[in-house]
Amino acid sequence: MKPELESAKRLRQVALEIIESGKSVPMRAGKINLAWLAGTVGLTRQVFYEGRGGPELSQLAELLLEHVRSQPSTKAHSQYDKSLASLRTEIQLLRTQLRDAERGLQRAAFREEIIRSGKILTF
């Protein structure tokens, strides 16, 4: 495939560099992140859609996606990733509970101080 558009030529060069170097490609919903791919050649992701940038660009993106899918997966620790994510969620929950408990303790300490001081409060 010999692209005619200048942007397609640049994208082809970037795709070849990615393939040769074995760099990882950012993915989104099982496809290549088009905003990232377009950004590598100074374009917007809109050029990959029909009628906006020429069929050459979308064909190059599809070829790169086929190459990425043909490579062996680097996610060998998926069970590990899931447990790590659940632990991070649990940590966030515990932090929230701790913050709420600290606020409650501050309110109780304030009330106790008011009661001990014997001041009359009007709200």
PDB file of N, CA and C in Angstrom:
ATOM      1  N   MET A   1       0.842  -1.175   0.000  1.00  0.00           N
ATOM      2  CA  MET A   1       0.000   0.000   0.000  1.00  0.00           C
ATOM      3  C   MET A   1       0.888   1.239   0.000  1.00  0.00           C
ATOM      4  N   LYS A   2       0.751   2.037  -1.021  1.00  0.00           N
ATOM      5  CA  LYS A   2       1.539   3.266  -1.156  1.00  0.00           C
ATOM      6  C   LYS A   2       0.590   4.448  -0.984  1.00  0.00           C
ATOM      7  N   PRO A   3       0.606   5.104   0.185  1.00  0.00           N
ATOM      8  CA  PRO A   3      -0.327   6.209   0.422  1.00  0.00           C
ATOM      9  C   PRO A   3      -0.001   7.434  -0.423  1.00  0.00           C
ATOM     10  N   GLU A   4      -1.062   8.169  -0.785  1.00  0.00           N
ATOM     11  CA  GLU A   4      -0.890   9.384  -1.574  1.00  0.00           C
ATOM     12  C   GLU A   4      -0.942  10.633  -0.706  1.00  0.00           C
ATOM     13  N   LEU A   5      -1.782  10.626   0.329  1.00  0.00           N
ATOM     14  CA  LEU A   5      -1.885  11.781   1.219  1.00  0.00           C
ATOM     15  C   LEU A   5      -0.623  11.926   2.057  1.00  0.00           C
ATOM     16  N   GLU A   6      -0.223  13.167   2.287  1.00  0.00           N
ATOM     17  CA  GLU A   6       0.965  13.415   3.109  1.00  0.00           C
ATOM     18  C   GLU A   6       0.756  12.907   4.531  1.00  0.00           C
ATOM     19  N   SER A   7      -0.450  13.117   5.066  1.00  0.00           N
ATOM     20  CA  SER A   7      -0.733  12.646   6.423  1.00  0.00           C
ATOM     21  C   SER A   7      -0.713  11.121   6.485  1.00  0.00           C
ATOM     22  N   ALA A   8      -1.157  10.472   5.418  1.00  0.00           N
ATOM     23  CA  ALA A   8      -1.127   9.008   5.377  1.00  0.00           C
ATOM     24  C   ALA A   8       0.313   8.505   5.316  1.00  0.00           C
ATOM     25  N   LYS A   9       1.171   9.236   4.616  1.00  0.00           N
ATOM     26  CA  LYS A   9       2.585   8.844   4.567  1.00  0.00           C
ATOM     27  C   LYS A   9       3.221   8.937   5.954  1.00  0.00           C
ATOM     28  N   ARG A  10       2.897  10.030   6.673  1.00  0.00           N
ATOM     29  CA  ARG A  10       3.440  10.176   8.032  1.00  0.00           C
ATOM     30  C   ARG A  10       2.905   9.088   8.953  1.00  0.00           C
ATOM     31  N   LEU A  11       1.608   8.784   8.824  1.00  0.00           N
ATOM     32  CA  LEU A  11       1.008   7.744   9.659  1.00  0.00           C
ATOM     33  C   LEU A  11       1.613   6.383   9.341  1.00  0.00           C
ATOM     34  N   ARG A  12       1.873   6.127   8.069  1.00  0.00           N
ATOM     35  CA  ARG A  12       2.507   4.865   7.677  1.00  0.00           C
ATOM     36  C   ARG A  12       3.887   4.750   8.312  1.00  0.00           C
ATOM     37  N   GLN A  13       4.632   5.846   8.309  1.00  0.00           N
ATOM     38  CA  GLN A  13       5.967   5.847   8.916  1.00  0.00           C
ATOM     39  C   GLN A  13       5.880   5.568  10.416  1.00  0.00           C
ATOM     40  N   VAL A  14       4.924   6.198  11.091  1.00  0.00           N
ATOM     41  CA  VAL A  14       4.741   5.979  12.531  1.00  0.00           C
ATOM     42  C   VAL A  14       4.357   4.529  12.795  1.00  0.00           C
ATOM     43  N   ALA A  15       3.452   3.990  11.978  1.00  0.00           N
ATOM     44  CA  ALA A  15       3.022   2.600  12.158  1.00  0.00           C
ATOM     45  C   ALA A  15       4.194   1.640  11.976  1.00  0.00           C
ATOM     46  N   LEU A  16       5.034   1.898  10.984  1.00  0.00           N
ATOM     47  CA  LEU A  16       6.209   1.043  10.776  1.00  0.00           C
ATOM     48  C   LEU A  16       7.173   1.123  11.959  1.00  0.00           C
ATOM     49  N   GLU A  17       7.354   2.321  12.504  1.00  0.00           N
ATOM     50  CA  GLU A  17       8.218   2.471  13.680  1.00  0.00           C
ATOM     51  C   GLU A  17       7.667   1.695  14.867  1.00  0.00           C
ATOM     52  N   ILE A  18       6.361   1.746  15.055  1.00  0.00           N
ATOM     53  CA  ILE A  18       5.727   1.019  16.164  1.00  0.00           C
ATOM     54  C   ILE A  18       5.920  -0.479  15.982  1.00  0.00           C
ATOM     55  N   ILE A  19       5.711  -0.956  14.770  1.00  0.00           N
ATOM     56  CA  ILE A  19       5.841  -2.390  14.499  1.00  0.00           C
ATOM     57  C   ILE A  19       7.280  -2.843  14.685  1.00  0.00           C
ATOM     58  N   GLU A  20       8.227  -2.079  14.164  1.00  0.00           N
ATOM     59  CA  GLU A  20       9.640  -2.469  14.256  1.00  0.00           C
ATOM     60  C   GLU A  20      10.173  -2.408  15.683  1.00  0.00           C
ATOM     61  N   SER A  21       9.762  -1.395  16.425  1.00  0.00           N
ATOM     62  CA  SER A  21      10.290  -1.237  17.784  1.00  0.00           C
ATOM     63  C   SER A  21       9.550  -2.087  18.805  1.00  0.00           C
ATOM     64  N   GLY A  22       8.357  -2.534  18.464  1.00  0.00           N
ATOM     65  CA  GLY A  22       7.580  -3.334  19.405  1.00  0.00           C
ATOM     66  C   GLY A  22       6.966  -2.510  20.520  1.00  0.00           C
ATOM     67  N   LYS A  23       6.813  -1.211  20.306  1.00  0.00           N
ATOM     68  CA  LYS A  23       6.211  -0.336  21.313  1.00  0.00           C
ATOM     69  C   LYS A  23       4.776  -0.760  21.578  1.00  0.00           C
ATOM     70  N   SER A  24       4.321  -0.482  22.800  1.00  0.00           N
ATOM     71  CA  SER A  24       2.923  -0.757  23.101  1.00  0.00           C
ATOM     72  C   SER A  24       2.068   0.380  22.547  1.00  0.00           C
ATOM     73  N   VAL A  25       0.854   0.048  22.192  1.00  0.00           N
ATOM     74  CA  VAL A  25      -0.063   1.003  21.599  1.00  0.00           C
ATOM     75  C   VAL A  25      -1.232   1.188  22.559  1.00  0.00           C
ATOM     76  N   PRO A  26      -1.569   2.424  22.929  1.00  0.00           N
ATOM     77  CA  PRO A  26      -2.713   2.639  23.816  1.00  0.00           C
ATOM     78  C   PRO A  26      -4.002   2.153  23.166  1.00  0.00           C
ATOM     79  N   MET A  27      -4.768   1.386  23.921  1.00  0.00           N
ATOM     80  CA  MET A  27      -6.009   0.820  23.399  1.00  0.00           C
ATOM     81  C   MET A  27      -7.192   1.445  24.127  1.00  0.00           C
ATOM     82  N   ARG A  28      -8.343   1.429  23.467  1.00  0.00           N
ATOM     83  CA  ARG A  28      -9.585   1.907  24.063  1.00  0.00           C
ATOM     84  C   ARG A  28     -10.719   1.070  23.491  1.00  0.00           C
ATOM     85  N   ALA A  29     -11.393   0.342  24.368  1.00  0.00           N
ATOM     86  CA  ALA A  29     -12.527  -0.508  23.982  1.00  0.00           C
ATOM     87  C   ALA A  29     -12.126  -1.524  22.916  1.00  0.00           C
ATOM     88  N   GLY A  30     -10.950  -2.098  23.044  1.00  0.00           N
ATOM     89  CA  GLY A  30     -10.506  -3.132  22.127  1.00  0.00           C
ATOM     90  C   GLY A  30      -9.967  -2.626  20.802  1.00  0.00           C
ATOM     91  N   LYS A  31      -9.882  -1.324  20.650  1.00  0.00           N
ATOM     92  CA  LYS A  31      -9.345  -0.739  19.426  1.00  0.00           C
ATOM     93  C   LYS A  31      -8.231   0.224  19.798  1.00  0.00           C
ATOM     94  N   ILE A  32      -7.467   0.615  18.800  1.00  0.00           N
ATOM     95  CA  ILE A  32      -6.392   1.580  19.038  1.00  0.00           C
ATOM     96  C   ILE A  32      -7.014   2.919  19.415  1.00  0.00           C
ATOM     97  N   ASN A  33      -6.421   3.593  20.384  1.00  0.00           N
ATOM     98  CA  ASN A  33      -6.883   4.913  20.785  1.00  0.00           C
ATOM     99  C   ASN A  33      -6.605   5.871  19.623  1.00  0.00           C
ATOM    100  N   LEU A  34      -7.661   6.233  18.914  1.00  0.00           N
ATOM    101  CA  LEU A  34      -7.505   7.037  17.700  1.00  0.00           C
ATOM    102  C   LEU A  34      -6.987   8.439  17.988  1.00  0.00           C
ATOM    103  N   ALA A  35      -7.341   8.999  19.133  1.00  0.00           N
ATOM    104  CA  ALA A  35      -6.832  10.329  19.482  1.00  0.00           C
ATOM    105  C   ALA A  35      -5.316  10.277  19.641  1.00  0.00           C
ATOM    106  N   TRP A  36      -4.823   9.220  20.285  1.00  0.00           N
ATOM    107  CA  TRP A  36      -3.371   9.071  20.440  1.00  0.00           C
ATOM    108  C   TRP A  36      -2.705   8.880  19.079  1.00  0.00           C
ATOM    109  N   LEU A  37      -3.276   7.985  18.263  1.00  0.00           N
ATOM    110  CA  LEU A  37      -2.684   7.686  16.957  1.00  0.00           C
ATOM    111  C   LEU A  37      -2.660   8.929  16.071  1.00  0.00           C
ATOM    112  N   ALA A  38      -3.753   9.666  16.052  1.00  0.00           N
ATOM    113  CA  ALA A  38      -3.799  10.889  15.247  1.00  0.00           C
ATOM    114  C   ALA A  38      -2.818  11.924  15.787  1.00  0.00           C
ATOM    115  N   GLY A  39      -2.687  11.992  17.097  1.00  0.00           N
ATOM    116  CA  GLY A  39      -1.770  12.945  17.705  1.00  0.00           C
ATOM    117  C   GLY A  39      -0.321  12.686  17.360  1.00  0.00           C
ATOM    118  N   THR A  40       0.022  11.436  17.083  1.00  0.00           N
ATOM    119  CA  THR A  40       1.410  11.123  16.738  1.00  0.00           C
ATOM    120  C   THR A  40       1.828  11.745  15.411  1.00  0.00           C
ATOM    121  N   VAL A  41       0.854  12.053  14.556  1.00  0.00           N
ATOM    122  CA  VAL A  41       1.171  12.673  13.264  1.00  0.00           C
ATOM    123  C   VAL A  41       0.593  14.085  13.148  1.00  0.00           C
ATOM    124  N   GLY A  42       0.110  14.631  14.266  1.00  0.00           N
ATOM    125  CA  GLY A  42      -0.380  16.002  14.272  1.00  0.00           C
ATOM    126  C   GLY A  42      -1.757  16.193  13.678  1.00  0.00           C
ATOM    127  N   LEU A  43      -2.624  15.207  13.828  1.00  0.00           N
ATOM    128  CA  LEU A  43      -3.985  15.298  13.314  1.00  0.00           C
ATOM    129  C   LEU A  43      -4.976  15.141  14.463  1.00  0.00           C
ATOM    130  N   THR A  44      -6.268  15.166  14.137  1.00  0.00           N
ATOM    131  CA  THR A  44      -7.300  14.843  15.124  1.00  0.00           C
ATOM    132  C   THR A  44      -7.875  13.482  14.772  1.00  0.00           C
ATOM    133  N   ARG A  45      -8.538  12.865  15.729  1.00  0.00           N
ATOM    134  CA  ARG A  45      -9.064  11.514  15.498  1.00  0.00           C
ATOM    135  C   ARG A  45     -10.175  11.488  14.456  1.00  0.00           C
ATOM    136  N   GLN A  46     -10.739  12.641  14.152  1.00  0.00           N
ATOM    137  CA  GLN A  46     -11.832  12.708  13.189  1.00  0.00           C
ATOM    138  C   GLN A  46     -11.407  12.240  11.793  1.00  0.00           C
ATOM    139  N   VAL A  47     -10.113  12.318  11.480  1.00  0.00           N
ATOM    140  CA  VAL A  47      -9.653  11.942  10.142  1.00  0.00           C
ATOM    141  C   VAL A  47      -9.816  10.452   9.877  1.00  0.00           C
ATOM    142  N   PHE A  48     -10.017   9.654  10.923  1.00  0.00           N
ATOM    143  CA  PHE A  48     -10.158   8.215  10.727  1.00  0.00           C
ATOM    144  C   PHE A  48     -11.591   7.812  10.392  1.00  0.00           C
ATOM    145  N   TYR A  49     -12.523   8.740  10.475  1.00  0.00           N
ATOM    146  CA  TYR A  49     -13.916   8.426  10.194  1.00  0.00           C
ATOM    147  C   TYR A  49     -14.234   8.671   8.726  1.00  0.00           C
ATOM    148  N   GLU A  50     -15.197   7.942   8.240  1.00  0.00           N
ATOM    149  CA  GLU A  50     -15.543   7.951   6.821  1.00  0.00           C
ATOM    150  C   GLU A  50     -15.907   9.360   6.343  1.00  0.00           C
ATOM    151  N   GLY A  51     -15.329   9.743   5.221  1.00  0.00           N
ATOM    152  CA  GLY A  51     -15.623  11.026   4.618  1.00  0.00           C
ATOM    153  C   GLY A  51     -14.887  12.207   5.224  1.00  0.00           C
ATOM    154  N   ARG A  52     -13.961  11.960   6.145  1.00  0.00           N
ATOM    155  CA  ARG A  52     -13.305  13.082   6.811  1.00  0.00           C
ATOM    156  C   ARG A  52     -11.805  13.135   6.577  1.00  0.00           C
ATOM    157  N   GLY A  53     -11.177  12.030   6.266  1.00  0.00           N
ATOM    158  CA  GLY A  53      -9.729  12.084   6.121  1.00  0.00           C
ATOM    159  C   GLY A  53      -9.200  11.172   5.044  1.00  0.00           C
ATOM    160  N   GLY A  54     -10.038  10.556   4.328  1.00  0.00           N
ATOM    161  CA  GLY A  54      -9.578   9.647   3.289  1.00  0.00           C
ATOM    162  C   GLY A  54      -9.496   8.221   3.794  1.00  0.00           C
ATOM    163  N   PRO A  55      -9.756   7.268   2.908  1.00  0.00           N
ATOM    164  CA  PRO A  55      -9.759   5.860   3.320  1.00  0.00           C
ATOM    165  C   PRO A  55      -8.375   5.336   3.691  1.00  0.00           C
ATOM    166  N   GLU A  56      -7.325   5.981   3.199  1.00  0.00           N
ATOM    167  CA  GLU A  56      -5.964   5.497   3.487  1.00  0.00           C
ATOM    168  C   GLU A  56      -5.669   5.521   4.981  1.00  0.00           C
ATOM    169  N   LEU A  57      -6.099   6.581   5.652  1.00  0.00           N
ATOM    170  CA  LEU A  57      -5.814   6.715   7.080  1.00  0.00           C
ATOM    171  C   LEU A  57      -6.511   5.630   7.888  1.00  0.00           C
ATOM    172  N   SER A  58      -7.785   5.395   7.588  1.00  0.00           N
ATOM    173  CA  SER A  58      -8.504   4.363   8.343  1.00  0.00           C
ATOM    174  C   SER A  58      -7.967   2.974   8.009  1.00  0.00           C
ATOM    175  N   GLN A  59      -7.517   2.760   6.775  1.00  0.00           N
ATOM    176  CA  GLN A  59      -6.923   1.466   6.419  1.00  0.00           C
ATOM    177  C   GLN A  59      -5.617   1.240   7.175  1.00  0.00           C
ATOM    178  N   LEU A  60      -4.811   2.273   7.298  1.00  0.00           N
ATOM    179  CA  LEU A  60      -3.563   2.146   8.056  1.00  0.00           C
ATOM    180  C   LEU A  60      -3.846   1.852   9.527  1.00  0.00           C
ATOM    181  N   ALA A  61      -4.862   2.510  10.083  1.00  0.00           N
ATOM    182  CA  ALA A  61      -5.225   2.257  11.483  1.00  0.00           C
ATOM    183  C   ALA A  61      -5.692   0.815  11.657  1.00  0.00           C
ATOM    184  N   GLU A  62      -6.463   0.309  10.705  1.00  0.00           N
ATOM    185  CA  GLU A  62      -6.929  -1.083  10.774  1.00  0.00           C
ATOM    186  C   GLU A  62      -5.763  -2.063  10.666  1.00  0.00           C
ATOM    187  N   LEU A  63      -4.818  -1.783   9.780  1.00  0.00           N
ATOM    188  CA  LEU A  63      -3.649  -2.659   9.650  1.00  0.00           C
ATOM    189  C   LEU A  63      -2.821  -2.678  10.933  1.00  0.00           C
ATOM    190  N   LEU A  64      -2.662  -1.520  11.552  1.00  0.00           N
ATOM    191  CA  LEU A  64      -1.932  -1.463  12.816  1.00  0.00           C
ATOM    192  C   LEU A  64      -2.683  -2.220  13.902  1.00  0.00           C
ATOM    193  N   LEU A  65      -4.005  -2.108  13.915  1.00  0.00           N
ATOM    194  CA  LEU A  65      -4.811  -2.843  14.893  1.00  0.00           C
ATOM    195  C   LEU A  65      -4.661  -4.347  14.692  1.00  0.00           C
ATOM    196  N   GLU A  66      -4.669  -4.801  13.441  1.00  0.00           N
ATOM    197  CA  GLU A  66      -4.466  -6.233  13.167  1.00  0.00           C
ATOM    198  C   GLU A  66      -3.114  -6.696  13.689  1.00  0.00           C
ATOM    199  N   HIS A  67      -2.094  -5.879  13.489  1.00  0.00           N
ATOM    200  CA  HIS A  67      -0.762  -6.233  13.984  1.00  0.00           C
ATOM    201  C   HIS A  67      -0.764  -6.326  15.507  1.00  0.00           C
ATOM    202  N   VAL A  68      -1.361  -5.349  16.165  1.00  0.00           N
ATOM    203  CA  VAL A  68      -1.394  -5.340  17.633  1.00  0.00           C
ATOM    204  C   VAL A  68      -2.139  -6.562  18.151  1.00  0.00           C
ATOM    205  N   ARG A  69      -3.244  -6.902  17.518  1.00  0.00           N
ATOM    206  CA  ARG A  69      -4.023  -8.071  17.959  1.00  0.00           C
ATOM    207  C   ARG A  69      -3.279  -9.380  17.712  1.00  0.00           C
ATOM    208  N   SER A  70      -2.417  -9.409  16.722  1.00  0.00           N
ATOM    209  CA  SER A  70      -1.692 -10.643  16.415  1.00  0.00           C
ATOM    210  C   SER A  70      -0.542 -10.893  17.385  1.00  0.00           C
ATOM    211  N   GLN A  71      -0.147  -9.862  18.120  1.00  0.00           N
ATOM    212  CA  GLN A  71       0.950 -10.008  19.081  1.00  0.00           C
ATOM    213  C   GLN A  71       0.450 -10.724  20.329  1.00  0.00           C
ATOM    214  N   PRO A  72       1.329 -11.497  20.984  1.00  0.00           N
ATOM    215  CA  PRO A  72       0.908 -12.165  22.214  1.00  0.00           C
ATOM    216  C   PRO A  72       0.563 -11.139  23.289  1.00  0.00           C
ATOM    217  N   SER A  73      -0.423 -11.480  24.075  1.00  0.00           N
ATOM    218  CA  SER A  73      -0.886 -10.573  25.115  1.00  0.00           C
ATOM    219  C   SER A  73       0.167 -10.391  26.193  1.00  0.00           C
ATOM    220  N   THR A  74       0.308  -9.172  26.669  1.00  0.00           N
ATOM    221  CA  THR A  74       1.249  -8.895  27.753  1.00  0.00           C
ATOM    222  C   THR A  74       0.557  -8.941  29.107  1.00  0.00           C
ATOM    223  N   LYS A  75      -0.740  -9.221  29.121  1.00  0.00           N
ATOM    224  CA  LYS A  75      -1.494  -9.274  30.369  1.00  0.00           C
ATOM    225  C   LYS A  75      -1.522 -10.699  30.898  1.00  0.00           C
ATOM    226  N   ALA A  76      -0.400 -11.161  31.410  1.00  0.00           N
ATOM    227  CA  ALA A  76      -0.329 -12.515  31.948  1.00  0.00           C
ATOM    228  C   ALA A  76      -0.849 -12.582  33.375  1.00  0.00           C
ATOM    229  N   HIS A  77      -0.941 -11.448  34.037  1.00  0.00           N
ATOM    230  CA  HIS A  77      -1.334 -11.434  35.441  1.00  0.00           C
ATOM    231  C   HIS A  77      -2.733 -10.849  35.611  1.00  0.00           C
ATOM    232  N   SER A  78      -3.689 -11.276  34.798  1.00  0.00           N
ATOM    233  CA  SER A  78      -5.014 -10.673  34.861  1.00  0.00           C
ATOM    234  C   SER A  78      -5.677 -10.924  36.214  1.00  0.00           C
ATOM    235  N   GLN A  79      -5.495 -12.115  36.796  1.00  0.00           N
ATOM    236  CA  GLN A  79      -6.067 -12.384  38.111  1.00  0.00           C
ATOM    237  C   GLN A  79      -5.414 -11.471  39.148  1.00  0.00           C
ATOM    238  N   TYR A  80      -4.123 -11.283  39.018  1.00  0.00           N
ATOM    239  CA  TYR A  80      -3.401 -10.370  39.908  1.00  0.00           C
ATOM    240  C   TYR A  80      -3.941  -8.951  39.752  1.00  0.00           C
ATOM    241  N   ASP A  81      -4.176  -8.519  38.517  1.00  0.00           N
ATOM    242  CA  ASP A  81      -4.694  -7.177  38.266  1.00  0.00           C
ATOM    243  C   ASP A  81      -6.067  -6.989  38.898  1.00  0.00           C
ATOM    244  N   LYS A  82      -6.908  -8.022  38.802  1.00  0.00           N
ATOM    245  CA  LYS A  82      -8.247  -7.927  39.383  1.00  0.00           C
ATOM    246  C   LYS A  82      -8.176  -7.808  40.896  1.00  0.00           C
ATOM    247  N   SER A  83      -7.323  -8.618  41.526  1.00  0.00           N
ATOM    248  CA  SER A  83      -7.229  -8.547  42.986  1.00  0.00           C
ATOM    249  C   SER A  83      -6.621  -7.215  43.415  1.00  0.00           C
ATOM    250  N   LEU A  84      -5.678  -6.714  42.645  1.00  0.00           N
ATOM    251  CA  LEU A  84      -5.085  -5.419  42.952  1.00  0.00           C
ATOM    252  C   LEU A  84      -6.135  -4.312  42.853  1.00  0.00           C
ATOM    253  N   ALA A  85      -6.965  -4.375  41.842  1.00  0.00           N
ATOM    254  CA  ALA A  85      -8.020  -3.372  41.680  1.00  0.00           C
ATOM    255  C   ALA A  85      -9.022  -3.449  42.829  1.00  0.00           C
ATOM    256  N   SER A  86      -9.369  -4.659  43.245  1.00  0.00           N
ATOM    257  CA  SER A  86     -10.322  -4.782  44.354  1.00  0.00           C
ATOM    258  C   SER A  86      -9.703  -4.280  45.651  1.00  0.00           C
ATOM    259  N   LEU A  87      -8.413  -4.513  45.845  1.00  0.00           N
ATOM    260  CA  LEU A  87      -7.748  -3.997  47.045  1.00  0.00           C
ATOM    261  C   LEU A  87      -7.689  -2.468  47.033  1.00  0.00           C
ATOM    262  N   ARG A  88      -7.454  -1.895  45.878  1.00  0.00           N
ATOM    263  CA  ARG A  88      -7.439  -0.434  45.785  1.00  0.00           C
ATOM    264  C   ARG A  88      -8.819   0.146  46.095  1.00  0.00           C
ATOM    265  N   THR A  89      -9.861  -0.521  45.623  1.00  0.00           N
ATOM    266  CA  THR A  89     -11.219  -0.080  45.919  1.00  0.00           C
ATOM    267  C   THR A  89     -11.491  -0.164  47.410  1.00  0.00           C
ATOM    268  N   GLU A  90     -11.060  -1.250  48.025  1.00  0.00           N
ATOM    269  CA  GLU A  90     -11.253  -1.417  49.463  1.00  0.00           C
ATOM    270  C   GLU A  90     -10.489  -0.344  50.247  1.00  0.00           C
ATOM    271  N   ILE A  91      -9.285  -0.021  49.811  1.00  0.00           N
ATOM    272  CA  ILE A  91      -8.505   1.035  50.471  1.00  0.00           C
ATOM    273  C   ILE A  91      -9.241   2.365  50.383  1.00  0.00           C
ATOM    274  N   GLN A  92      -9.801   2.676  49.221  1.00  0.00           N
ATOM    275  CA  GLN A  92     -10.557   3.918  49.071  1.00  0.00           C
ATOM    276  C   GLN A  92     -11.751   3.946  50.016  1.00  0.00           C
ATOM    277  N   LEU A  93     -12.453   2.814  50.129  1.00  0.00           N
ATOM    278  CA  LEU A  93     -13.597   2.729  51.030  1.00  0.00           C
ATOM    279  C   LEU A  93     -13.158   2.948  52.473  1.00  0.00           C
ATOM    280  N   LEU A  94     -12.055   2.331  52.875  1.00  0.00           N
ATOM    281  CA  LEU A  94     -11.547   2.495  54.234  1.00  0.00           C
ATOM    282  C   LEU A  94     -11.108   3.937  54.496  1.00  0.00           C
ATOM    283  N   ARG A  95     -10.526   4.582  53.508  1.00  0.00           N
ATOM    284  CA  ARG A  95     -10.139   5.989  53.674  1.00  0.00           C
ATOM    285  C   ARG A  95     -11.364   6.870  53.880  1.00  0.00           C
ATOM    286  N   THR A  96     -12.417   6.585  53.135  1.00  0.00           N
ATOM    287  CA  THR A  96     -13.655   7.349  53.290  1.00  0.00           C
ATOM    288  C   THR A  96     -14.235   7.141  54.678  1.00  0.00           C
ATOM    289  N   GLN A  97     -14.261   5.893  55.140  1.00  0.00           N
ATOM    290  CA  GLN A  97     -14.776   5.605  56.477  1.00  0.00           C
ATOM    291  C   GLN A  97     -13.928   6.290  57.544  1.00  0.00           C
ATOM    292  N   LEU A  98     -12.624   6.284  57.384  1.00  0.00           N
ATOM    293  CA  LEU A  98     -11.732   6.937  58.337  1.00  0.00           C
ATOM    294  C   LEU A  98     -11.983   8.440  58.376  1.00  0.00           C
ATOM    295  N   ARG A  99     -12.131   9.047  57.216  1.00  0.00           N
ATOM    296  CA  ARG A  99     -12.389  10.481  57.148  1.00  0.00           C
ATOM    297  C   ARG A  99     -13.711  10.825  57.837  1.00  0.00           C
ATOM    298  N   ASP A 100     -14.756  10.008  57.595  1.00  0.00           N
ATOM    299  CA  ASP A 100     -16.046  10.242  58.244  1.00  0.00           C
ATOM    300  C   ASP A 100     -15.940  10.078  59.755  1.00  0.00           C
ATOM    301  N   ALA A 101     -15.200   9.075  60.200  1.00  0.00           N
ATOM    302  CA  ALA A 101     -15.028   8.853  61.637  1.00  0.00           C
ATOM    303  C   ALA A 101     -14.269  10.010  62.280  1.00  0.00           C
ATOM    304  N   GLU A 102     -13.252  10.526  61.608  1.00  0.00           N
ATOM    305  CA  GLU A 102     -12.497  11.665  62.142  1.00  0.00           C
ATOM    306  C   GLU A 102     -13.377  12.902  62.249  1.00  0.00           C
ATOM    307  N   ARG A 103     -14.229  13.131  61.270  1.00  0.00           N
ATOM    308  CA  ARG A 103     -15.154  14.269  61.329  1.00  0.00           C
ATOM    309  C   ARG A 103     -16.125  14.111  62.497  1.00  0.00           C
ATOM    310  N   GLY A 104     -16.651  12.903  62.665  1.00  0.00           N
ATOM    311  CA  GLY A 104     -17.557  12.647  63.786  1.00  0.00           C
ATOM    312  C   GLY A 104     -16.867  12.868  65.120  1.00  0.00           C
ATOM    313  N   LEU A 105     -15.631  12.448  65.228  1.00  0.00           N
ATOM    314  CA  LEU A 105     -14.860  12.641  66.454  1.00  0.00           C
ATOM    315  C   LEU A 105     -14.624  14.123  66.727  1.00  0.00           C
ATOM    316  N   GLN A 106     -14.344  14.893  65.700  1.00  0.00           N
ATOM    317  CA  GLN A 106     -14.162  16.340  65.867  1.00  0.00           C
ATOM    318  C   GLN A 106     -15.453  17.002  66.337  1.00  0.00           C
ATOM    319  N   ARG A 107     -16.588  16.601  65.767  1.00  0.00           N
ATOM    320  CA  ARG A 107     -17.874  17.162  66.190  1.00  0.00           C
ATOM    321  C   ARG A 107     -18.155  16.825  67.648  1.00  0.00           C
ATOM    322  N   ALA A 108     -17.886  15.567  68.029  1.00  0.00           N
ATOM    323  CA  ALA A 108     -18.118  15.152  69.413  1.00  0.00           C
ATOM    324  C   ALA A 108     -17.204  15.910  70.369  1.00  0.00           C
ATOM    325  N   ALA A 109     -15.957  16.109  69.994  1.00  0.00           N
ATOM    326  CA  ALA A 109     -15.021  16.850  70.841  1.00  0.00           C
ATOM    327  C   ALA A 109     -15.468  18.301  70.987  1.00  0.00           C
ATOM    328  N   PHE A 110     -15.980  18.882  69.932  1.00  0.00           N
ATOM    329  CA  PHE A 110     -16.465  20.261  69.978  1.00  0.00           C
ATOM    330  C   PHE A 110     -17.665  20.370  70.912  1.00  0.00           C
ATOM    331  N   ARG A 111     -18.608  19.441  70.791  1.00  0.00           N
ATOM    332  CA  ARG A 111     -19.791  19.441  71.669  1.00  0.00           C
ATOM    333  C   ARG A 111     -19.383  19.266  73.124  1.00  0.00           C
ATOM    334  N   GLU A 112     -18.452  18.353  73.369  1.00  0.00           N
ATOM    335  CA  GLU A 112     -17.995  18.123  74.740  1.00  0.00           C
ATOM    336  C   GLU A 112     -17.346  19.384  75.309  1.00  0.00           C
ATOM    337  N   GLU A 113     -16.568  20.064  74.498  1.00  0.00           N
ATOM    338  CA  GLU A 113     -15.921  21.299  74.952  1.00  0.00           C
ATOM    339  C   GLU A 113     -16.955  22.363  75.291  1.00  0.00           C
ATOM    340  N   ILE A 114     -17.997  22.453  74.486  1.00  0.00           N
ATOM    341  CA  ILE A 114     -19.057  23.429  74.742  1.00  0.00           C
ATOM    342  C   ILE A 114     -19.781  23.089  76.047  1.00  0.00           C
ATOM    343  N   ILE A 115     -20.090  21.813  76.243  1.00  0.00           N
ATOM    344  CA  ILE A 115     -20.792  21.383  77.452  1.00  0.00           C
ATOM    345  C   ILE A 115     -19.937  21.641  78.685  1.00  0.00           C
ATOM    346  N   ARG A 116     -18.677  21.333  78.641  1.00  0.00           N
ATOM    347  CA  ARG A 116     -17.783  21.537  79.791  1.00  0.00           C
ATOM    348  C   ARG A 116     -17.581  23.015  80.109  1.00  0.00           C
ATOM    349  N   SER A 117     -17.591  23.847  79.088  1.00  0.00           N
ATOM    350  CA  SER A 117     -17.365  25.272  79.334  1.00  0.00           C
ATOM    351  C   SER A 117     -18.565  25.922  80.000  1.00  0.00           C
ATOM    352  N   GLY A 118     -19.746  25.339  79.840  1.00  0.00           N
ATOM    353  CA  GLY A 118     -20.950  25.869  80.470  1.00  0.00           C
ATOM    354  C   GLY A 118     -21.504  27.094  79.787  1.00  0.00           C
ATOM    355  N   LYS A 119     -21.060  27.389  78.610  1.00  0.00           N
ATOM    356  CA  LYS A 119     -21.555  28.556  77.894  1.00  0.00           C
ATOM    357  C   LYS A 119     -22.939  28.264  77.333  1.00  0.00           C
ATOM    358  N   ILE A 120     -23.725  29.296  77.267  1.00  0.00           N
ATOM    359  CA  ILE A 120     -25.050  29.167  76.681  1.00  0.00           C
ATOM    360  C   ILE A 120     -24.902  29.441  75.188  1.00  0.00           C
ATOM    361  N   LEU A 121     -25.387  28.525  74.427  1.00  0.00           N
ATOM    362  CA  LEU A 121     -25.274  28.666  72.972  1.00  0.00           C
ATOM    363  C   LEU A 121     -26.646  28.881  72.367  1.00  0.00           C
ATOM    364  N   THR A 122     -26.709  29.752  71.415  1.00  0.00           N
ATOM    365  CA  THR A 122     -27.933  29.941  70.647  1.00  0.00           C
ATOM    366  C   THR A 122     -27.595  29.711  69.187  1.00  0.00           C
ATOM    367  N   PHE A 123     -28.400  28.942  68.565  1.00  0.00           N
ATOM    368  CA  PHE A 123     -28.175  28.641  67.144  1.00  0.00           C
ATOM    369  C   PHE A 123     -29.247  29.246  66.303  1.00  0.00           C
TER     370      PHE A 123
END
